[in-house]
Structure formats: structure tokens, C-alpha cells
C-alpha atoms as a PDB file:
ATOM      1  CA  ASP A   1      81.398  84.510  93.023  1.00  0.00           C
ATOM      2  CA  PRO A   2      80.079  87.924  91.917  1.00  0.00           C
ATOM      3  CA  ARG A   3      76.463  86.696  91.752  1.00  0.00           C
ATOM      4  CA  LEU A   4      76.624  85.310  95.282  1.00  0.00           C
ATOM      5  CA  MET A   5      78.163  88.549  96.577  1.00  0.00           C
ATOM      6  CA  ALA A   6      75.463  90.592  94.795  1.00  0.00           C
ATOM      7  CA  ASP A   7      72.749  88.366  96.283  1.00  0.00           C
ATOM      8  CA  MET A   8      74.238  88.690  99.765  1.00  0.00           C
ATOM      9  CA  ALA A   9      74.435  92.473  99.344  1.00  0.00           C
ATOM     10  CA  LYS A  10      70.697  92.478  98.573  1.00  0.00           C
ATOM     11  CA  VAL A  11      70.006  90.403 101.689  1.00  0.00           C
ATOM     12  CA  LEU A  12      71.998  92.814 103.835  1.00  0.00           C
ATOM     13  CA  GLU A  13      70.141  95.775 102.365  1.00  0.00           C
ATOM     14  CA  THR A  14      66.747  94.169 103.089  1.00  0.00           C
ATOM     15  CA  ARG A  15      67.900  93.544 106.661  1.00  0.00           C
ATOM     16  CA  GLY A  16      68.526  97.252 107.145  1.00  0.00           C
ATOM     17  CA  ALA A  17      72.225  97.693 106.417  1.00  0.00           C
ATOM     18  CA  LYS A  18      73.054 101.345 105.741  1.00  0.00           C
ATOM     19  CA  ARG A  19      76.329 100.533 103.963  1.00  0.00           C
ATOM     20  CA  ILE A  20      78.236  97.435 102.881  1.00  0.00           C
ATOM     21  CA  ASP A  21      82.024  97.247 103.062  1.00  0.00           C
ATOM     22  CA  LEU A  22      83.773  94.712 100.825  1.00  0.00           C
ATOM     23  CA  ASN A  23      86.775  93.534 102.831  1.00  0.00           C
ATOM     24  CA  CYS A  24      89.761  92.969 100.547  1.00  0.00           C
ATOM     25  CA  GLY A  25      92.120  93.484 103.439  1.00  0.00           C
ATOM     26  CA  CYS A  26      91.878  90.474 105.735  1.00  0.00           C
ATOM     27  CA  PRO A  27      95.258  88.691 105.748  1.00  0.00           C
ATOM     28  CA  SER A  28      94.096  85.591 107.637  1.00  0.00           C
ATOM     29  CA  ASN A  29      95.167  82.370 105.934  1.00  0.00           C
ATOM     30  CA  THR A  30      91.760  80.885 106.747  1.00  0.00           C
ATOM     31  CA  VAL A  31      90.075  83.687 104.785  1.00  0.00           C
ATOM     32  CA  THR A  32      92.587  84.058 101.959  1.00  0.00           C
ATOM     33  CA  GLY A  33      92.752  80.286 101.526  1.00  0.00           C
ATOM     34  CA  LYS A  34      89.120  80.407 100.397  1.00  0.00           C
ATOM     35  CA  GLY A  35      89.848  83.152  97.848  1.00  0.00           C
ATOM     36  CA  ALA A  36      88.436  85.919 100.038  1.00  0.00           C
ATOM     37  CA  GLY A  37      89.896  88.888 101.906  1.00  0.00           C
ATOM     38  CA  SER A  38      93.196  90.152 100.580  1.00  0.00           C
ATOM     39  CA  SER A  39      93.434  87.260  98.093  1.00  0.00           C
ATOM     40  CA  LEU A  40      91.084  89.371  95.935  1.00  0.00           C
ATOM     41  CA  LEU A  41      94.077  91.648  95.351  1.00  0.00           C
ATOM     42  CA  LYS A  42      95.734  88.968  93.194  1.00  0.00           C
ATOM     43  CA  THR A  43      93.338  89.639  90.312  1.00  0.00           C
ATOM     44  CA  PRO A  44      92.128  93.217  89.800  1.00  0.00           C
ATOM     45  CA  ASP A  45      89.596  92.040  87.199  1.00  0.00           C
ATOM     46  CA  SER A  46      87.910  89.739  89.732  1.00  0.00           C
ATOM     47  CA  LEU A  47      87.966  92.467  92.379  1.00  0.00           C
ATOM     48  CA  HIS A  48      86.269  94.813  89.898  1.00  0.00           C
ATOM     49  CA  GLU A  49      83.700  92.201  88.873  1.00  0.00           C
ATOM     50  CA  ILE A  50      82.712  91.393  92.455  1.00  0.00           C
ATOM     51  CA  ALA A  51      82.578  95.018  93.617  1.00  0.00           C
ATOM     52  CA  SER A  52      80.621  96.068  90.495  1.00  0.00           C
ATOM     53  CA  ALA A  53      78.102  93.276  91.008  1.00  0.00           C
ATOM     54  CA  MET A  54      77.543  94.377  94.600  1.00  0.00           C
ATOM     55  CA  VAL A  55      77.276  98.076  93.705  1.00  0.00           C
ATOM     56  CA  SER A  56      74.744  97.437  90.942  1.00  0.00           C
ATOM     57  CA  SER A  57      72.591  95.145  93.091  1.00  0.00           C
ATOM     58  CA  VAL A  58      71.808  97.586  95.914  1.00  0.00           C
ATOM     59  CA  SER A  59      70.810 101.205  96.441  1.00  0.00           C
ATOM     60  CA  ILE A  60      72.909 101.652  99.598  1.00  0.00           C
ATOM     61  CA  PRO A  61      76.581 102.651  99.388  1.00  0.00           C
ATOM     62  CA  VAL A  62      79.170  99.935  98.869  1.00  0.00           C
ATOM     63  CA  THR A  63      82.682 100.715 100.098  1.00  0.00           C
ATOM     64  CA  LEU A  64      85.900  98.725  99.982  1.00  0.00           C
ATOM     65  CA  LYS A  65      88.809  98.131 102.343  1.00  0.00           C
ATOM     66  CA  MET A  66      92.042  96.858 100.855  1.00  0.00           C
ATOM     67  CA  ARG A  67      95.702  96.324 101.531  1.00  0.00           C
ATOM     68  CA  SER A  68      98.474  97.561  99.263  1.00  0.00           C
ATOM     69  CA  GLY A  69      98.841  94.108  97.713  1.00  0.00           C
ATOM     70  CA  TYR A  70      99.055  90.395  98.305  1.00  0.00           C
ATOM     71  CA  GLU A  71     102.727  89.374  98.160  1.00  0.00           C
ATOM     72  CA  ASP A  72     103.976  92.743  96.939  1.00  0.00           C
ATOM     73  CA  THR A  73     102.615  96.003  95.537  1.00  0.00           C
ATOM     74  CA  THR A  74     102.982  95.270  91.807  1.00  0.00           C
ATOM     75  CA  LEU A  75      99.185  95.389  91.321  1.00  0.00           C
ATOM     76  CA  PHE A  76      98.636  98.332  93.678  1.00  0.00           C
ATOM     77  CA  LYS A  77      97.529 100.877  91.068  1.00  0.00           C
ATOM     78  CA  GLU A  78      95.522  98.306  89.117  1.00  0.00           C
ATOM     79  CA  ASN A  79      93.606  97.340  92.263  1.00  0.00           C
ATOM     80  CA  LEU A  80      92.910 101.000  93.091  1.00  0.00           C
ATOM     81  CA  HIS A  81      91.561 101.600  89.578  1.00  0.00           C
ATOM     82  CA  ALA A  82      89.546  98.359  89.645  1.00  0.00           C
ATOM     83  CA  ALA A  83      87.929  99.338  92.936  1.00  0.00           C
ATOM     84  CA  GLU A  84      87.232 102.925  91.947  1.00  0.00           C
ATOM     85  CA  SER A  85      85.782 102.041  88.536  1.00  0.00           C
ATOM     86  CA  SER A  86      83.443  99.507  90.167  1.00  0.00           C
ATOM     87  CA  GLY A  87      81.419 102.342  91.663  1.00  0.00           C
ATOM     88  CA  VAL A  88      82.350 101.965  95.335  1.00  0.00           C
ATOM     89  CA  LYS A  89      81.818 105.201  97.267  1.00  0.00           C
ATOM     90  CA  PHE A  90      85.191 105.235  99.038  1.00  0.00           C
ATOM     91  CA  ILE A  91      88.250 103.078  99.647  1.00  0.00           C
ATOM     92  CA  THR A  92      89.984 102.409 102.932  1.00  0.00           C
ATOM     93  CA  LEU A  93      93.659 101.562 102.477  1.00  0.00           C
ATOM     94  CA  HIS A  94      95.805  99.611 104.920  1.00  0.00           C
ATOM     95  CA  PRO A  95      99.284 100.115 103.440  1.00  0.00           C
ATOM     96  CA  ARG A  96     100.752  96.695 104.108  1.00  0.00           C
ATOM     97  CA  THR A  97     100.566  93.592 101.939  1.00  0.00           C
ATOM     98  CA  LYS A  98      98.879  90.362 102.983  1.00  0.00           C
ATOM     99  CA  VAL A  99     102.329  88.838 103.442  1.00  0.00           C
ATOM    100  CA  ASP A 100     103.335  91.749 105.715  1.00  0.00           C
ATOM    101  CA  GLY A 101     100.444  90.934 108.035  1.00  0.00           C
ATOM    102  CA  TYR A 102     100.627  93.464 110.858  1.00  0.00           C
ATOM    103  CA  GLY A 103     104.416  93.397 111.074  1.00  0.00           C
ATOM    104  CA  PRO A 104     106.469  96.126 109.451  1.00  0.00           C
ATOM    105  CA  LYS A 105     105.646  99.793 109.787  1.00  0.00           C
ATOM    106  CA  ALA A 106     102.693 100.807 107.619  1.00  0.00           C
ATOM    107  CA  LYS A 107     103.854 102.544 104.427  1.00  0.00           C
ATOM    108  CA  TRP A 108     101.900 105.779 104.653  1.00  0.00           C
ATOM    109  CA  GLU A 109     103.529 106.973 101.434  1.00  0.00           C
ATOM    110  CA  LEU A 110     101.276 104.444  99.657  1.00  0.00           C
ATOM    111  CA  ILE A 111      98.235 106.207 101.120  1.00  0.00           C
ATOM    112  CA  ALA A 112      99.577 109.503  99.749  1.00  0.00           C
ATOM    113  CA  GLU A 113     100.144 107.863  96.358  1.00  0.00           C
ATOM    114  CA  ALA A 114      96.634 106.393  96.332  1.00  0.00           C
ATOM    115  CA  LYS A 115      95.166 109.776  97.270  1.00  0.00           C
ATOM    116  CA  SER A 116      96.906 111.346  94.280  1.00  0.00           C
ATOM    117  CA  ILE A 117      95.448 108.672  91.970  1.00  0.00           C
ATOM    118  CA  LEU A 118      91.853 108.357  93.191  1.00  0.00           C
ATOM    119  CA  LYS A 119      88.933 110.664  92.499  1.00  0.00           C
ATOM    120  CA  ILE A 120      86.795 109.131  95.277  1.00  0.00           C
ATOM    121  CA  PRO A 121      87.467 109.634  99.007  1.00  0.00           C
ATOM    122  CA  LEU A 122      90.310 107.657 100.573  1.00  0.00           C
ATOM    123  CA  ILE A 123      90.403 106.560 104.203  1.00  0.00           C
ATOM    124  CA  GLY A 124      93.858 105.977 105.711  1.00  0.00           C
ATOM    125  CA  ASN A 125      94.483 103.051 108.060  1.00  0.00           C
ATOM    126  CA  GLY A 126      97.505 101.595 109.820  1.00  0.00           C
ATOM    127  CA  ASP A 127      99.693 102.475 112.807  1.00  0.00           C
ATOM    128  CA  ILE A 128      97.396 105.113 114.309  1.00  0.00           C
ATOM    129  CA  LEU A 129      97.972 104.665 118.030  1.00  0.00           C
ATOM    130  CA  THR A 130      97.905 108.275 119.266  1.00  0.00           C
ATOM    131  CA  VAL A 131      96.435 111.670 118.416  1.00  0.00           C
ATOM    132  CA  SER A 132      99.858 112.608 117.080  1.00  0.00           C
ATOM    133  CA  ASP A 133      99.798 109.589 114.735  1.00  0.00           C
ATOM    134  CA  ALA A 134      96.348 110.591 113.487  1.00  0.00           C
ATOM    135  CA  LEU A 135      97.460 114.160 112.785  1.00  0.00           C
ATOM    136  CA  ASN A 136     100.660 112.984 111.114  1.00  0.00           C
ATOM    137  CA  MET A 137      98.787 110.595 108.816  1.00  0.00           C
ATOM    138  CA  LEU A 138      96.354 113.312 107.776  1.00  0.00           C
ATOM    139  CA  ARG A 139      99.212 115.740 107.150  1.00  0.00           C
ATOM    140  CA  GLN A 140     101.531 113.283 105.355  1.00  0.00           C
ATOM    141  CA  THR A 141      98.945 111.555 103.156  1.00  0.00           C
ATOM    142  CA  ASN A 142      96.200 114.136 102.592  1.00  0.00           C
ATOM    143  CA  CYS A 143      93.682 111.293 103.071  1.00  0.00           C
ATOM    144  CA  ASP A 144      90.056 112.249 103.603  1.00  0.00           C
ATOM    145  CA  ALA A 145      89.510 110.419 106.888  1.00  0.00           C
ATOM    146  CA  LEU A 146      91.010 107.814 109.193  1.00  0.00           C
ATOM    147  CA  MET A 147      90.113 104.276 110.191  1.00  0.00           C
ATOM    148  CA  ILE A 148      91.535 103.120 113.496  1.00  0.00           C
ATOM    149  CA  GLY A 149      91.618  99.417 114.329  1.00  0.00           C
ATOM    150  CA  ARG A 150      94.218  97.957 116.666  1.00  0.00           C
ATOM    151  CA  GLY A 151      94.991 101.441 118.018  1.00  0.00           C
ATOM    152  CA  ALA A 152      91.532 101.482 119.580  1.00  0.00           C
ATOM    153  CA  VAL A 153      92.219  98.170 121.285  1.00  0.00           C
ATOM    154  CA  ALA A 154      95.336  99.636 122.880  1.00  0.00           C
ATOM    155  CA  ASN A 155      93.566 102.912 123.710  1.00  0.00           C
ATOM    156  CA  PRO A 156      89.757 102.690 123.628  1.00  0.00           C
ATOM    157  CA  PHE A 157      89.483 106.460 124.159  1.00  0.00           C
ATOM    158  CA  ILE A 158      91.556 107.472 121.116  1.00  0.00           C
ATOM    159  CA  PHE A 159      88.431 108.625 119.267  1.00  0.00           C
ATOM    160  CA  HIS A 160      87.490 110.965 122.141  1.00  0.00           C
ATOM    161  CA  GLU A 161      91.068 112.248 122.262  1.00  0.00           C
ATOM    162  CA  ILE A 162      91.129 113.028 118.527  1.00  0.00           C
ATOM    163  CA  LYS A 163      87.713 114.708 118.652  1.00  0.00           C
ATOM    164  CA  ALA A 164      88.824 116.776 121.645  1.00  0.00           C
ATOM    165  CA  HIS A 165      91.982 117.830 119.827  1.00  0.00           C
ATOM    166  CA  PHE A 166      89.981 119.202 116.912  1.00  0.00           C
ATOM    167  CA  ALA A 167      87.662 120.966 119.366  1.00  0.00           C
ATOM    168  CA  GLY A 168      90.687 122.581 121.021  1.00  0.00           C
ATOM    169  CA  VAL A 169      90.233 120.883 124.382  1.00  0.00           C
ATOM    170  CA  LYS A 170      92.074 118.157 126.269  1.00  0.00           C
ATOM    171  CA  TYR A 171      90.449 114.814 126.916  1.00  0.00           C
ATOM    172  CA  SER A 172      91.432 112.561 129.785  1.00  0.00           C
ATOM    173  CA  PRO A 173      89.293 109.537 130.559  1.00  0.00           C
ATOM    174  CA  THR A 174      87.852 109.608 134.051  1.00  0.00           C
ATOM    175  CA  ARG A 175      87.513 106.695 136.406  1.00  0.00           C
ATOM    176  CA  GLU A 176      83.818 106.614 135.440  1.00  0.00           C
ATOM    177  CA  ASN A 177      84.769 106.305 131.742  1.00  0.00           C
ATOM    178  CA  TRP A 178      86.981 103.323 132.534  1.00  0.00           C
ATOM    179  CA  GLU A 179      84.340 101.722 134.756  1.00  0.00           C
ATOM    180  CA  THR A 180      81.764 102.073 131.985  1.00  0.00           C
ATOM    181  CA  PHE A 181      84.232 100.617 129.485  1.00  0.00           C
ATOM    182  CA  PHE A 182      84.990  97.560 131.640  1.00  0.00           C
ATOM    183  CA  ALA A 183      81.337  97.071 132.575  1.00  0.00           C
ATOM    184  CA  THR A 184      80.584  96.291 128.935  1.00  0.00           C
ATOM    185  CA  PHE A 185      82.742  93.163 129.234  1.00  0.00           C
ATOM    186  CA  LYS A 186      81.030  91.849 132.372  1.00  0.00           C
ATOM    187  CA  ASN A 187      77.787  91.108 130.546  1.00  0.00           C
END
């Protein structure tokens, strides 16, 4: 419901949110079964209507994360255009469909295609597990930035490693880093 999403965006803004991200990427059957998450990719017009309502209701940036499609990528370009024309500030693309889940290799070529279509910034997501993966995605897709999800679960220091790479230094987590990391789970 676009009005409900606009109202909730206003609530989040009044509570101090600095940005709101519309998640059109969640593949969970519990979420998509309610018409949310990646099910929004079935109807580009609805995606546009919801995102536009949110954008026009708040003064903070609204962004959008999406997958390359629901069952397939037939509406890929239409969804990109619907999102961009809604006024969102940037799009994060996970290049798998809802049906793909987290299974097959992410299709980075779809990120490159989206980058060539969009005029707003594009964030690449999917299969970034190492510094080498991050560099390869940037090089192969020309995306503006990266979003790392499950890769950070496997390696919680990947962000430090990438930052160190760009600074021209090597990063290796110390025992103290690991102790600090695990201490966060004790409480």
C-alpha cells in the first residue's frame, strides 16, 4: 500500500532515520507471500508507485535494494526504470532472482548492464567474499560502490581488508580484534 509505506517513511524520519532503504530484494517466502520484498519486482508500476510515495513523503534520501527479477529477468529493465524514475537516490542490485535465492553464482554482468542504463548511482551486491572479489566486481561492472552481506558473516574483517587495500597496506586481524568481535556476542 503506497499510502501506508509513505506514512511509515514519515514515522521513520521523525524518529531520526537518516535514510530509508526500500527492500525489494528479500526472497523469503514469508515476506514475498505478503506481497513484499522481491515480490514487488512482479509489477514495475507498483514498485514505482510505492517508491514514489515514499520519496515524496520525506526529506531524507530513499534508496532501493532489488534483485534482478522474481522468477526470471524479463522485467529487469522495467524495474530499473521504475525505481530510478521514482526519485530514489541510488539502487543496490543483487543479481539473482527471487527464485535463485542464494544459490547460483551471482550474474555480475547484470550489474554492468544496470550501470549502463541508470543515471543514478548503482551499488553492486552478491558473491563478494574476498578483497579480490570486491576488486573484480568494481572492475567488471563499473558499479559505484559495493554492498557486502553474507561475505561479512564469513569474514567479519572484510571491510578492514578492503579499506587497507585501497590505502596500500596489509590488514591482518589481531587476536585482540577477534576477542573484541566475539565479546560482542557474549552480552
